[in-house]
Amino acid sequence: MKIDRIKHLSLLIKEEISKILLLSLEQEALKFITITKVELTRDMRLAKVYFSGFKKEDNCDPQSLVSLMLKNRGAIRKELSLKLNLRHTPELKFYYDDSIEYAQKINDIINKIKEEE
């Protein structure tokens, strides 16, 4: 039962953080960030938030996006606490998820091999 609650809450946190980035915060670069996954610990005190970013500008490298997310962590958590009715809003840790870019590189390699045949 508790695992189902954790999964449900993880999905809810993912959805709410996505909305917060898009609608509530004023920094333009945050609007191009996609939350890919949220892992909530069993005690629900820590949420590991995985995200990827659309590279609109050359200065939007993964490290600068992580720094930007960390800089806005307090505001994101505050907005999250207003949206969710929880006794304790989890701490947020942000991690850049490069799986989409990795999959694209693999796809490009496969396409290149097909073209050479």
PDB file of N, CA and C in Angstrom:
ATOM      1  N   MET A   1       0.817  -1.203   0.000  1.00  0.00           N
ATOM      2  CA  MET A   1       0.000   0.000   0.000  1.00  0.00           C
ATOM      3  C   MET A   1       0.861   1.267   0.000  1.00  0.00           C
ATOM      4  N   LYS A   2       1.898   1.290   0.842  1.00  0.00           N
ATOM      5  CA  LYS A   2       2.739   2.477   0.926  1.00  0.00           C
ATOM      6  C   LYS A   2       3.514   2.698  -0.374  1.00  0.00           C
ATOM      7  N   ILE A   3       3.930   1.608  -1.045  1.00  0.00           N
ATOM      8  CA  ILE A   3       4.657   1.746  -2.307  1.00  0.00           C
ATOM      9  C   ILE A   3       3.765   2.385  -3.364  1.00  0.00           C
ATOM     10  N   ASP A   4       2.490   2.005  -3.410  1.00  0.00           N
ATOM     11  CA  ASP A   4       1.565   2.636  -4.342  1.00  0.00           C
ATOM     12  C   ASP A   4       1.433   4.123  -4.053  1.00  0.00           C
ATOM     13  N   ARG A   5       1.397   4.481  -2.782  1.00  0.00           N
ATOM     14  CA  ARG A   5       1.310   5.895  -2.395  1.00  0.00           C
ATOM     15  C   ARG A   5       2.570   6.637  -2.826  1.00  0.00           C
ATOM     16  N   ILE A   6       3.714   6.015  -2.667  1.00  0.00           N
ATOM     17  CA  ILE A   6       4.981   6.643  -3.061  1.00  0.00           C
ATOM     18  C   ILE A   6       5.009   6.852  -4.576  1.00  0.00           C
ATOM     19  N   LYS A   7       4.593   5.834  -5.339  1.00  0.00           N
ATOM     20  CA  LYS A   7       4.557   5.973  -6.802  1.00  0.00           C
ATOM     21  C   LYS A   7       3.594   7.080  -7.219  1.00  0.00           C
ATOM     22  N   HIS A   8       2.424   7.077  -6.607  1.00  0.00           N
ATOM     23  CA  HIS A   8       1.425   8.105  -6.942  1.00  0.00           C
ATOM     24  C   HIS A   8       1.955   9.500  -6.606  1.00  0.00           C
ATOM     25  N   LEU A   9       2.553   9.648  -5.440  1.00  0.00           N
ATOM     26  CA  LEU A   9       3.080  10.940  -5.028  1.00  0.00           C
ATOM     27  C   LEU A   9       4.249  11.373  -5.920  1.00  0.00           C
ATOM     28  N   SER A  10       5.080  10.421  -6.342  1.00  0.00           N
ATOM     29  CA  SER A  10       6.183  10.739  -7.254  1.00  0.00           C
ATOM     30  C   SER A  10       5.660  11.314  -8.563  1.00  0.00           C
ATOM     31  N   LEU A  11       4.625  10.689  -9.108  1.00  0.00           N
ATOM     32  CA  LEU A  11       4.024  11.189 -10.352  1.00  0.00           C
ATOM     33  C   LEU A  11       3.393  12.564 -10.153  1.00  0.00           C
ATOM     34  N   LEU A  12       2.764  12.754  -9.017  1.00  0.00           N
ATOM     35  CA  LEU A  12       2.141  14.037  -8.707  1.00  0.00           C
ATOM     36  C   LEU A  12       3.202  15.139  -8.571  1.00  0.00           C
ATOM     37  N   ILE A  13       4.294  14.823  -7.906  1.00  0.00           N
ATOM     38  CA  ILE A  13       5.393  15.791  -7.752  1.00  0.00           C
ATOM     39  C   ILE A  13       5.976  16.132  -9.123  1.00  0.00           C
ATOM     40  N   LYS A  14       6.159  15.129  -9.966  1.00  0.00           N
ATOM     41  CA  LYS A  14       6.674  15.349 -11.328  1.00  0.00           C
ATOM     42  C   LYS A  14       5.770  16.311 -12.091  1.00  0.00           C
ATOM     43  N   GLU A  15       4.485  16.067 -12.031  1.00  0.00           N
ATOM     44  CA  GLU A  15       3.514  16.911 -12.732  1.00  0.00           C
ATOM     45  C   GLU A  15       3.513  18.340 -12.181  1.00  0.00           C
ATOM     46  N   GLU A  16       3.523  18.467 -10.873  1.00  0.00           N
ATOM     47  CA  GLU A  16       3.459  19.800 -10.265  1.00  0.00           C
ATOM     48  C   GLU A  16       4.732  20.607 -10.506  1.00  0.00           C
ATOM     49  N   ILE A  17       5.896  19.964 -10.430  1.00  0.00           N
ATOM     50  CA  ILE A  17       7.147  20.693 -10.698  1.00  0.00           C
ATOM     51  C   ILE A  17       7.168  21.153 -12.153  1.00  0.00           C
ATOM     52  N   SER A  18       6.685  20.314 -13.061  1.00  0.00           N
ATOM     53  CA  SER A  18       6.612  20.714 -14.471  1.00  0.00           C
ATOM     54  C   SER A  18       5.759  21.966 -14.641  1.00  0.00           C
ATOM     55  N   LYS A  19       4.623  21.999 -13.967  1.00  0.00           N
ATOM     56  CA  LYS A  19       3.745  23.174 -14.034  1.00  0.00           C
ATOM     57  C   LYS A  19       4.408  24.404 -13.418  1.00  0.00           C
ATOM     58  N   ILE A  20       5.087  24.198 -12.311  1.00  0.00           N
ATOM     59  CA  ILE A  20       5.759  25.312 -11.635  1.00  0.00           C
ATOM     60  C   ILE A  20       6.821  25.926 -12.549  1.00  0.00           C
ATOM     61  N   LEU A  21       7.623  25.081 -13.195  1.00  0.00           N
ATOM     62  CA  LEU A  21       8.678  25.582 -14.086  1.00  0.00           C
ATOM     63  C   LEU A  21       8.086  26.352 -15.255  1.00  0.00           C
ATOM     64  N   LEU A  22       6.984  25.869 -15.766  1.00  0.00           N
ATOM     65  CA  LEU A  22       6.375  26.486 -16.935  1.00  0.00           C
ATOM     66  C   LEU A  22       5.609  27.765 -16.606  1.00  0.00           C
ATOM     67  N   LEU A  23       4.907  27.772 -15.473  1.00  0.00           N
ATOM     68  CA  LEU A  23       3.966  28.855 -15.203  1.00  0.00           C
ATOM     69  C   LEU A  23       4.351  29.809 -14.075  1.00  0.00           C
ATOM     70  N   SER A  24       5.050  29.317 -13.066  1.00  0.00           N
ATOM     71  CA  SER A  24       5.220  30.127 -11.858  1.00  0.00           C
ATOM     72  C   SER A  24       6.541  30.867 -11.760  1.00  0.00           C
ATOM     73  N   LEU A  25       7.567  30.358 -12.370  1.00  0.00           N
ATOM     74  CA  LEU A  25       8.880  31.000 -12.248  1.00  0.00           C
ATOM     75  C   LEU A  25       9.156  31.847 -13.481  1.00  0.00           C
ATOM     76  N   GLU A  26       9.873  32.930 -13.294  1.00  0.00           N
ATOM     77  CA  GLU A  26      10.018  33.926 -14.347  1.00  0.00           C
ATOM     78  C   GLU A  26      11.220  33.702 -15.263  1.00  0.00           C
ATOM     79  N   GLN A  27      12.134  32.828 -14.903  1.00  0.00           N
ATOM     80  CA  GLN A  27      13.319  32.641 -15.731  1.00  0.00           C
ATOM     81  C   GLN A  27      12.975  31.833 -16.974  1.00  0.00           C
ATOM     82  N   GLU A  28      13.289  32.398 -18.109  1.00  0.00           N
ATOM     83  CA  GLU A  28      12.922  31.816 -19.399  1.00  0.00           C
ATOM     84  C   GLU A  28      13.539  30.432 -19.614  1.00  0.00           C
ATOM     85  N   ALA A  29      14.770  30.234 -19.180  1.00  0.00           N
ATOM     86  CA  ALA A  29      15.452  28.948 -19.393  1.00  0.00           C
ATOM     87  C   ALA A  29      14.730  27.798 -18.694  1.00  0.00           C
ATOM     88  N   LEU A  30      14.040  28.085 -17.597  1.00  0.00           N
ATOM     89  CA  LEU A  30      13.321  27.035 -16.867  1.00  0.00           C
ATOM     90  C   LEU A  30      12.123  26.505 -17.647  1.00  0.00           C
ATOM     91  N   LYS A  31      11.607  27.287 -18.559  1.00  0.00           N
ATOM     92  CA  LYS A  31      10.446  26.872 -19.340  1.00  0.00           C
ATOM     93  C   LYS A  31      10.801  25.786 -20.358  1.00  0.00           C
ATOM     94  N   PHE A  32      12.088  25.593 -20.626  1.00  0.00           N
ATOM     95  CA  PHE A  32      12.542  24.596 -21.593  1.00  0.00           C
ATOM     96  C   PHE A  32      13.054  23.330 -20.915  1.00  0.00           C
ATOM     97  N   ILE A  33      12.810  23.208 -19.623  1.00  0.00           N
ATOM     98  CA  ILE A  33      13.236  22.030 -18.869  1.00  0.00           C
ATOM     99  C   ILE A  33      12.070  21.061 -18.757  1.00  0.00           C
ATOM    100  N   THR A  34      12.379  19.787 -18.976  1.00  0.00           N
ATOM    101  CA  THR A  34      11.380  18.732 -18.873  1.00  0.00           C
ATOM    102  C   THR A  34      11.740  17.824 -17.706  1.00  0.00           C
ATOM    103  N   ILE A  35      10.805  17.613 -16.813  1.00  0.00           N
ATOM    104  CA  ILE A  35      11.017  16.675 -15.707  1.00  0.00           C
ATOM    105  C   ILE A  35      10.773  15.277 -16.257  1.00  0.00           C
ATOM    106  N   THR A  36      11.797  14.427 -16.195  1.00  0.00           N
ATOM    107  CA  THR A  36      11.673  13.092 -16.781  1.00  0.00           C
ATOM    108  C   THR A  36      11.270  12.038 -15.763  1.00  0.00           C
ATOM    109  N   LYS A  37      11.675  12.234 -14.503  1.00  0.00           N
ATOM    110  CA  LYS A  37      11.362  11.226 -13.484  1.00  0.00           C
ATOM    111  C   LYS A  37      11.552  11.829 -12.102  1.00  0.00           C
ATOM    112  N   VAL A  38      10.764  11.341 -11.148  1.00  0.00           N
ATOM    113  CA  VAL A  38      10.940  11.707  -9.745  1.00  0.00           C
ATOM    114  C   VAL A  38      10.981  10.417  -8.943  1.00  0.00           C
ATOM    115  N   GLU A  39      12.030  10.260  -8.141  1.00  0.00           N
ATOM    116  CA  GLU A  39      12.157   9.117  -7.233  1.00  0.00           C
ATOM    117  C   GLU A  39      12.016   9.641  -5.817  1.00  0.00           C
ATOM    118  N   LEU A  40      11.035   9.134  -5.129  1.00  0.00           N
ATOM    119  CA  LEU A  40      10.761   9.553  -3.761  1.00  0.00           C
ATOM    120  C   LEU A  40      11.251   8.466  -2.809  1.00  0.00           C
ATOM    121  N   THR A  41      11.944   8.855  -1.751  1.00  0.00           N
ATOM    122  CA  THR A  41      12.412   7.874  -0.781  1.00  0.00           C
ATOM    123  C   THR A  41      11.223   7.308  -0.014  1.00  0.00           C
ATOM    124  N   ARG A  42      11.431   6.149   0.630  1.00  0.00           N
ATOM    125  CA  ARG A  42      10.336   5.470   1.344  1.00  0.00           C
ATOM    126  C   ARG A  42       9.737   6.328   2.457  1.00  0.00           C
ATOM    127  N   ASP A  43      10.585   7.136   3.096  1.00  0.00           N
ATOM    128  CA  ASP A  43      10.061   8.013   4.160  1.00  0.00           C
ATOM    129  C   ASP A  43       9.476   9.314   3.610  1.00  0.00           C
ATOM    130  N   MET A  44       9.539   9.479   2.294  1.00  0.00           N
ATOM    131  CA  MET A  44       8.967  10.629   1.574  1.00  0.00           C
ATOM    132  C   MET A  44       9.577  11.970   2.002  1.00  0.00           C
ATOM    133  N   ARG A  45      10.810  11.932   2.449  1.00  0.00           N
ATOM    134  CA  ARG A  45      11.489  13.164   2.880  1.00  0.00           C
ATOM    135  C   ARG A  45      12.399  13.738   1.796  1.00  0.00           C
ATOM    136  N   LEU A  46      12.746  12.916   0.790  1.00  0.00           N
ATOM    137  CA  LEU A  46      13.655  13.349  -0.272  1.00  0.00           C
ATOM    138  C   LEU A  46      13.095  12.926  -1.614  1.00  0.00           C
ATOM    139  N   ALA A  47      13.093  13.866  -2.551  1.00  0.00           N
ATOM    140  CA  ALA A  47      12.683  13.577  -3.921  1.00  0.00           C
ATOM    141  C   ALA A  47      13.871  13.850  -4.837  1.00  0.00           C
ATOM    142  N   LYS A  48      14.303  12.815  -5.559  1.00  0.00           N
ATOM    143  CA  LYS A  48      15.336  12.972  -6.570  1.00  0.00           C
ATOM    144  C   LYS A  48      14.616  13.303  -7.867  1.00  0.00           C
ATOM    145  N   VAL A  49      14.869  14.492  -8.377  1.00  0.00           N
ATOM    146  CA  VAL A  49      14.173  14.985  -9.560  1.00  0.00           C
ATOM    147  C   VAL A  49      15.132  14.955 -10.747  1.00  0.00           C
ATOM    148  N   TYR A  50      14.789  14.151 -11.745  1.00  0.00           N
ATOM    149  CA  TYR A  50      15.605  14.025 -12.957  1.00  0.00           C
ATOM    150  C   TYR A  50      14.968  14.883 -14.043  1.00  0.00           C
ATOM    151  N   PHE A  51      15.803  15.621 -14.775  1.00  0.00           N
ATOM    152  CA  PHE A  51      15.287  16.521 -15.798  1.00  0.00           C
ATOM    153  C   PHE A  51      16.213  16.562 -16.998  1.00  0.00           C
ATOM    154  N   SER A  52      15.655  16.987 -18.113  1.00  0.00           N
ATOM    155  CA  SER A  52      16.469  17.255 -19.291  1.00  0.00           C
ATOM    156  C   SER A  52      16.099  18.644 -19.779  1.00  0.00           C
ATOM    157  N   GLY A  53      16.988  19.214 -20.560  1.00  0.00           N
ATOM    158  CA  GLY A  53      16.753  20.572 -21.011  1.00  0.00           C
ATOM    159  C   GLY A  53      16.884  20.688 -22.505  1.00  0.00           C
ATOM    160  N   PHE A  54      16.005  21.465 -23.073  1.00  0.00           N
ATOM    161  CA  PHE A  54      16.066  21.782 -24.494  1.00  0.00           C
ATOM    162  C   PHE A  54      17.144  22.832 -24.672  1.00  0.00           C
ATOM    163  N   LYS A  55      18.103  22.566 -25.515  1.00  0.00           N
ATOM    164  CA  LYS A  55      19.225  23.486 -25.686  1.00  0.00           C
ATOM    165  C   LYS A  55      18.870  24.604 -26.655  1.00  0.00           C
ATOM    166  N   LYS A  56      18.154  25.579 -26.148  1.00  0.00           N
ATOM    167  CA  LYS A  56      17.779  26.735 -26.959  1.00  0.00           C
ATOM    168  C   LYS A  56      18.994  27.628 -27.200  1.00  0.00           C
ATOM    169  N   GLU A  57      19.830  27.697 -26.203  1.00  0.00           N
ATOM    170  CA  GLU A  57      21.018  28.546 -26.282  1.00  0.00           C
ATOM    171  C   GLU A  57      22.251  27.687 -26.019  1.00  0.00           C
ATOM    172  N   ASP A  58      23.386  28.119 -26.524  1.00  0.00           N
ATOM    173  CA  ASP A  58      24.624  27.364 -26.315  1.00  0.00           C
ATOM    174  C   ASP A  58      25.046  27.327 -24.856  1.00  0.00           C
ATOM    175  N   ASN A  59      24.641  28.316 -24.069  1.00  0.00           N
ATOM    176  CA  ASN A  59      25.047  28.357 -22.659  1.00  0.00           C
ATOM    177  C   ASN A  59      24.146  27.507 -21.770  1.00  0.00           C
ATOM    178  N   CYS A  60      23.256  26.720 -22.346  1.00  0.00           N
ATOM    179  CA  CYS A  60      22.376  25.844 -21.567  1.00  0.00           C
ATOM    180  C   CYS A  60      22.961  24.436 -21.488  1.00  0.00           C
ATOM    181  N   ASP A  61      24.210  24.339 -21.081  1.00  0.00           N
ATOM    182  CA  ASP A  61      24.822  23.035 -20.903  1.00  0.00           C
ATOM    183  C   ASP A  61      24.278  22.392 -19.628  1.00  0.00           C
ATOM    184  N   PRO A  62      24.423  21.073 -19.493  1.00  0.00           N
ATOM    185  CA  PRO A  62      23.844  20.376 -18.328  1.00  0.00           C
ATOM    186  C   PRO A  62      24.252  20.979 -16.981  1.00  0.00           C
ATOM    187  N   GLN A  63      25.509  21.347 -16.821  1.00  0.00           N
ATOM    188  CA  GLN A  63      25.959  21.869 -15.529  1.00  0.00           C
ATOM    189  C   GLN A  63      25.293  23.197 -15.197  1.00  0.00           C
ATOM    190  N   SER A  64      25.134  24.066 -16.189  1.00  0.00           N
ATOM    191  CA  SER A  64      24.475  25.351 -15.908  1.00  0.00           C
ATOM    192  C   SER A  64      22.991  25.150 -15.624  1.00  0.00           C
ATOM    193  N   LEU A  65      22.371  24.134 -16.251  1.00  0.00           N
ATOM    194  CA  LEU A  65      20.967  23.841 -15.956  1.00  0.00           C
ATOM    195  C   LEU A  65      20.803  23.303 -14.536  1.00  0.00           C
ATOM    196  N   VAL A  66      21.741  22.455 -14.103  1.00  0.00           N
ATOM    197  CA  VAL A  66      21.692  21.952 -12.726  1.00  0.00           C
ATOM    198  C   VAL A  66      21.846  23.120 -11.755  1.00  0.00           C
ATOM    199  N   SER A  67      22.779  24.014 -12.041  1.00  0.00           N
ATOM    200  CA  SER A  67      22.976  25.190 -11.183  1.00  0.00           C
ATOM    201  C   SER A  67      21.723  26.058 -11.133  1.00  0.00           C
ATOM    202  N   LEU A  68      21.079  26.219 -12.274  1.00  0.00           N
ATOM    203  CA  LEU A  68      19.853  27.008 -12.331  1.00  0.00           C
ATOM    204  C   LEU A  68      18.740  26.364 -11.501  1.00  0.00           C
ATOM    205  N   MET A  69      18.617  25.046 -11.599  1.00  0.00           N
ATOM    206  CA  MET A  69      17.598  24.339 -10.818  1.00  0.00           C
ATOM    207  C   MET A  69      17.897  24.451  -9.324  1.00  0.00           C
ATOM    208  N   LEU A  70      19.172  24.304  -8.957  1.00  0.00           N
ATOM    209  CA  LEU A  70      19.545  24.415  -7.545  1.00  0.00           C
ATOM    210  C   LEU A  70      19.284  25.821  -7.019  1.00  0.00           C
ATOM    211  N   LYS A  71      19.543  26.816  -7.856  1.00  0.00           N
ATOM    212  CA  LYS A  71      19.318  28.202  -7.466  1.00  0.00           C
ATOM    213  C   LYS A  71      17.833  28.459  -7.178  1.00  0.00           C
ATOM    214  N   ASN A  72      16.962  27.757  -7.888  1.00  0.00           N
ATOM    215  CA  ASN A  72      15.517  27.943  -7.748  1.00  0.00           C
ATOM    216  C   ASN A  72      14.853  26.873  -6.886  1.00  0.00           C
ATOM    217  N   ARG A  73      15.646  26.022  -6.255  1.00  0.00           N
ATOM    218  CA  ARG A  73      15.114  24.914  -5.458  1.00  0.00           C
ATOM    219  C   ARG A  73      14.150  25.392  -4.369  1.00  0.00           C
ATOM    220  N   GLY A  74      14.495  26.446  -3.668  1.00  0.00           N
ATOM    221  CA  GLY A  74      13.639  26.951  -2.592  1.00  0.00           C
ATOM    222  C   GLY A  74      12.283  27.414  -3.100  1.00  0.00           C
ATOM    223  N   ALA A  75      12.296  28.155  -4.205  1.00  0.00           N
ATOM    224  CA  ALA A  75      11.042  28.648  -4.776  1.00  0.00           C
ATOM    225  C   ALA A  75      10.190  27.494  -5.294  1.00  0.00           C
ATOM    226  N   ILE A  76      10.836  26.512  -5.912  1.00  0.00           N
ATOM    227  CA  ILE A  76      10.110  25.349  -6.421  1.00  0.00           C
ATOM    228  C   ILE A  76       9.488  24.578  -5.261  1.00  0.00           C
ATOM    229  N   ARG A  77      10.253  24.375  -4.213  1.00  0.00           N
ATOM    230  CA  ARG A  77       9.744  23.628  -3.048  1.00  0.00           C
ATOM    231  C   ARG A  77       8.600  24.387  -2.370  1.00  0.00           C
ATOM    232  N   LYS A  78       8.724  25.693  -2.287  1.00  0.00           N
ATOM    233  CA  LYS A  78       7.665  26.495  -1.670  1.00  0.00           C
ATOM    234  C   LYS A  78       6.376  26.379  -2.477  1.00  0.00           C
ATOM    235  N   GLU A  79       6.471  26.507  -3.795  1.00  0.00           N
ATOM    236  CA  GLU A  79       5.289  26.367  -4.655  1.00  0.00           C
ATOM    237  C   GLU A  79       4.707  24.960  -4.547  1.00  0.00           C
ATOM    238  N   LEU A  80       5.588  23.975  -4.475  1.00  0.00           N
ATOM    239  CA  LEU A  80       5.150  22.587  -4.349  1.00  0.00           C
ATOM    240  C   LEU A  80       4.385  22.383  -3.049  1.00  0.00           C
ATOM    241  N   SER A  81       4.852  22.993  -1.979  1.00  0.00           N
ATOM    242  CA  SER A  81       4.164  22.849  -0.690  1.00  0.00           C
ATOM    243  C   SER A  81       2.773  23.476  -0.716  1.00  0.00           C
ATOM    244  N   LEU A  82       2.609  24.525  -1.513  1.00  0.00           N
ATOM    245  CA  LEU A  82       1.297  25.157  -1.644  1.00  0.00           C
ATOM    246  C   LEU A  82       0.337  24.288  -2.464  1.00  0.00           C
ATOM    247  N   LYS A  83       0.879  23.532  -3.418  1.00  0.00           N
ATOM    248  CA  LYS A  83       0.045  22.705  -4.296  1.00  0.00           C
ATOM    249  C   LYS A  83      -0.349  21.376  -3.657  1.00  0.00           C
ATOM    250  N   LEU A  84       0.573  20.797  -2.878  1.00  0.00           N
ATOM    251  CA  LEU A  84       0.350  19.471  -2.302  1.00  0.00           C
ATOM    252  C   LEU A  84      -0.071  19.593  -0.840  1.00  0.00           C
ATOM    253  N   ASN A  85      -0.959  18.764  -0.429  1.00  0.00           N
ATOM    254  CA  ASN A  85      -1.414  18.776   0.957  1.00  0.00           C
ATOM    255  C   ASN A  85      -0.673  17.677   1.724  1.00  0.00           C
ATOM    256  N   LEU A  86       0.584  17.964   2.069  1.00  0.00           N
ATOM    257  CA  LEU A  86       1.429  16.993   2.766  1.00  0.00           C
ATOM    258  C   LEU A  86       1.870  17.560   4.105  1.00  0.00           C
ATOM    259  N   ARG A  87       2.099  16.666   5.025  1.00  0.00           N
ATOM    260  CA  ARG A  87       2.619  17.087   6.329  1.00  0.00           C
ATOM    261  C   ARG A  87       4.021  17.660   6.168  1.00  0.00           C
ATOM    262  N   HIS A  88       4.795  17.049   5.283  1.00  0.00           N
ATOM    263  CA  HIS A  88       6.177  17.476   5.063  1.00  0.00           C
ATOM    264  C   HIS A  88       6.462  17.457   3.562  1.00  0.00           C
ATOM    265  N   THR A  89       6.835  18.596   3.010  1.00  0.00           N
ATOM    266  CA  THR A  89       7.219  18.658   1.604  1.00  0.00           C
ATOM    267  C   THR A  89       8.642  18.131   1.481  1.00  0.00           C
ATOM    268  N   PRO A  90       8.869  17.168   0.579  1.00  0.00           N
ATOM    269  CA  PRO A  90      10.208  16.573   0.490  1.00  0.00           C
ATOM    270  C   PRO A  90      11.277  17.563   0.042  1.00  0.00           C
ATOM    271  N   GLU A  91      12.496  17.322   0.522  1.00  0.00           N
ATOM    272  CA  GLU A  91      13.653  18.053   0.016  1.00  0.00           C
ATOM    273  C   GLU A  91      13.821  17.662  -1.444  1.00  0.00           C
ATOM    274  N   LEU A  92      14.335  18.567  -2.262  1.00  0.00           N
ATOM    275  CA  LEU A  92      14.494  18.305  -3.683  1.00  0.00           C
ATOM    276  C   LEU A  92      15.972  18.267  -4.048  1.00  0.00           C
ATOM    277  N   LYS A  93      16.363  17.204  -4.739  1.00  0.00           N
ATOM    278  CA  LYS A  93      17.703  17.112  -5.316  1.00  0.00           C
ATOM    279  C   LYS A  93      17.519  16.960  -6.812  1.00  0.00           C
ATOM    280  N   PHE A  94      18.292  17.709  -7.579  1.00  0.00           N
ATOM    281  CA  PHE A  94      18.135  17.717  -9.031  1.00  0.00           C
ATOM    282  C   PHE A  94      19.309  17.034  -9.720  1.00  0.00           C
ATOM    283  N   TYR A  95      18.974  16.247 -10.731  1.00  0.00           N
ATOM    284  CA  TYR A  95      19.956  15.504 -11.506  1.00  0.00           C
ATOM    285  C   TYR A  95      19.634  15.654 -12.988  1.00  0.00           C
ATOM    286  N   TYR A  96      20.660  15.953 -13.790  1.00  0.00           N
ATOM    287  CA  TYR A  96      20.450  16.067 -15.227  1.00  0.00           C
ATOM    288  C   TYR A  96      20.329  14.673 -15.822  1.00  0.00           C
ATOM    289  N   ASP A  97      19.315  14.456 -16.635  1.00  0.00           N
ATOM    290  CA  ASP A  97      19.050  13.166 -17.277  1.00  0.00           C
ATOM    291  C   ASP A  97      19.430  13.272 -18.750  1.00  0.00           C
ATOM    292  N   ASP A  98      20.510  12.608 -19.123  1.00  0.00           N
ATOM    293  CA  ASP A  98      20.969  12.696 -20.510  1.00  0.00           C
ATOM    294  C   ASP A  98      20.517  11.506 -21.356  1.00  0.00           C
ATOM    295  N   SER A  99      19.558  10.737 -20.886  1.00  0.00           N
ATOM    296  CA  SER A  99      19.124   9.547 -21.612  1.00  0.00           C
ATOM    297  C   SER A  99      18.505   9.886 -22.963  1.00  0.00           C
ATOM    298  N   ILE A 100      17.817  11.001 -23.083  1.00  0.00           N
ATOM    299  CA  ILE A 100      17.215  11.398 -24.361  1.00  0.00           C
ATOM    300  C   ILE A 100      18.307  11.709 -25.381  1.00  0.00           C
ATOM    301  N   GLU A 101      19.333  12.449 -24.957  1.00  0.00           N
ATOM    302  CA  GLU A 101      20.437  12.766 -25.854  1.00  0.00           C
ATOM    303  C   GLU A 101      21.215  11.509 -26.238  1.00  0.00           C
ATOM    304  N   TYR A 102      21.383  10.599 -25.281  1.00  0.00           N
ATOM    305  CA  TYR A 102      22.077   9.352 -25.553  1.00  0.00           C
ATOM    306  C   TYR A 102      21.304   8.527 -26.583  1.00  0.00           C
ATOM    307  N   ALA A 103      19.997   8.441 -26.417  1.00  0.00           N
ATOM    308  CA  ALA A 103      19.162   7.700 -27.365  1.00  0.00           C
ATOM    309  C   ALA A 103      19.237   8.331 -28.761  1.00  0.00           C
ATOM    310  N   GLN A 104      19.279   9.651 -28.819  1.00  0.00           N
ATOM    311  CA  GLN A 104      19.391  10.334 -30.113  1.00  0.00           C
ATOM    312  C   GLN A 104      20.725  10.033 -30.782  1.00  0.00           C
ATOM    313  N   LYS A 105      21.812   9.984 -30.009  1.00  0.00           N
ATOM    314  CA  LYS A 105      23.119   9.645 -30.575  1.00  0.00           C
ATOM    315  C   LYS A 105      23.114   8.227 -31.138  1.00  0.00           C
ATOM    316  N   ILE A 106      22.525   7.289 -30.402  1.00  0.00           N
ATOM    317  CA  ILE A 106      22.437   5.907 -30.873  1.00  0.00           C
ATOM    318  C   ILE A 106      21.620   5.844 -32.158  1.00  0.00           C
ATOM    319  N   ASN A 107      20.509   6.558 -32.189  1.00  0.00           N
ATOM    320  CA  ASN A 107      19.660   6.597 -33.380  1.00  0.00           C
ATOM    321  C   ASN A 107      20.413   7.174 -34.579  1.00  0.00           C
ATOM    322  N   ASP A 108      21.196   8.237 -34.351  1.00  0.00           N
ATOM    323  CA  ASP A 108      21.990   8.834 -35.426  1.00  0.00           C
ATOM    324  C   ASP A 108      23.021   7.850 -35.961  1.00  0.00           C
ATOM    325  N   ILE A 109      23.654   7.094 -35.067  1.00  0.00           N
ATOM    326  CA  ILE A 109      24.648   6.104 -35.480  1.00  0.00           C
ATOM    327  C   ILE A 109      23.997   5.003 -36.320  1.00  0.00           C
ATOM    328  N   ILE A 110      22.849   4.538 -35.881  1.00  0.00           N
ATOM    329  CA  ILE A 110      22.126   3.493 -36.627  1.00  0.00           C
ATOM    330  C   ILE A 110      21.731   4.005 -38.006  1.00  0.00           C
ATOM    331  N   ASN A 111      21.233   5.231 -38.078  1.00  0.00           N
ATOM    332  CA  ASN A 111      20.854   5.814 -39.365  1.00  0.00           C
ATOM    333  C   ASN A 111      22.055   5.966 -40.285  1.00  0.00           C
ATOM    334  N   LYS A 112      23.182   6.359 -39.723  1.00  0.00           N
ATOM    335  CA  LYS A 112      24.411   6.517 -40.522  1.00  0.00           C
ATOM    336  C   LYS A 112      24.866   5.162 -41.083  1.00  0.00           C
ATOM    337  N   ILE A 113      24.778   4.128 -40.268  1.00  0.00           N
ATOM    338  CA  ILE A 113      25.156   2.775 -40.717  1.00  0.00           C
ATOM    339  C   ILE A 113      24.221   2.318 -41.840  1.00  0.00           C
ATOM    340  N   LYS A 114      22.935   2.577 -41.704  1.00  0.00           N
ATOM    341  CA  LYS A 114      21.959   2.207 -42.744  1.00  0.00           C
ATOM    342  C   LYS A 114      22.243   2.933 -44.055  1.00  0.00           C
ATOM    343  N   GLU A 115      22.620   4.203 -43.955  1.00  0.00           N
ATOM    344  CA  GLU A 115      22.925   4.979 -45.157  1.00  0.00           C
ATOM    345  C   GLU A 115      24.158   4.454 -45.869  1.00  0.00           C
ATOM    346  N   GLU A 116      25.128   3.959 -45.113  1.00  0.00           N
ATOM    347  CA  GLU A 116      26.370   3.459 -45.696  1.00  0.00           C
ATOM    348  C   GLU A 116      26.189   2.109 -46.378  1.00  0.00           C
ATOM    349  N   GLU A 117      25.146   1.379 -46.023  1.00  0.00           N
ATOM    350  CA  GLU A 117      24.925   0.038 -46.605  1.00  0.00           C
ATOM    351  C   GLU A 117      24.436   0.095 -48.014  1.00  0.00           C
TER     352      GLU A 117
END
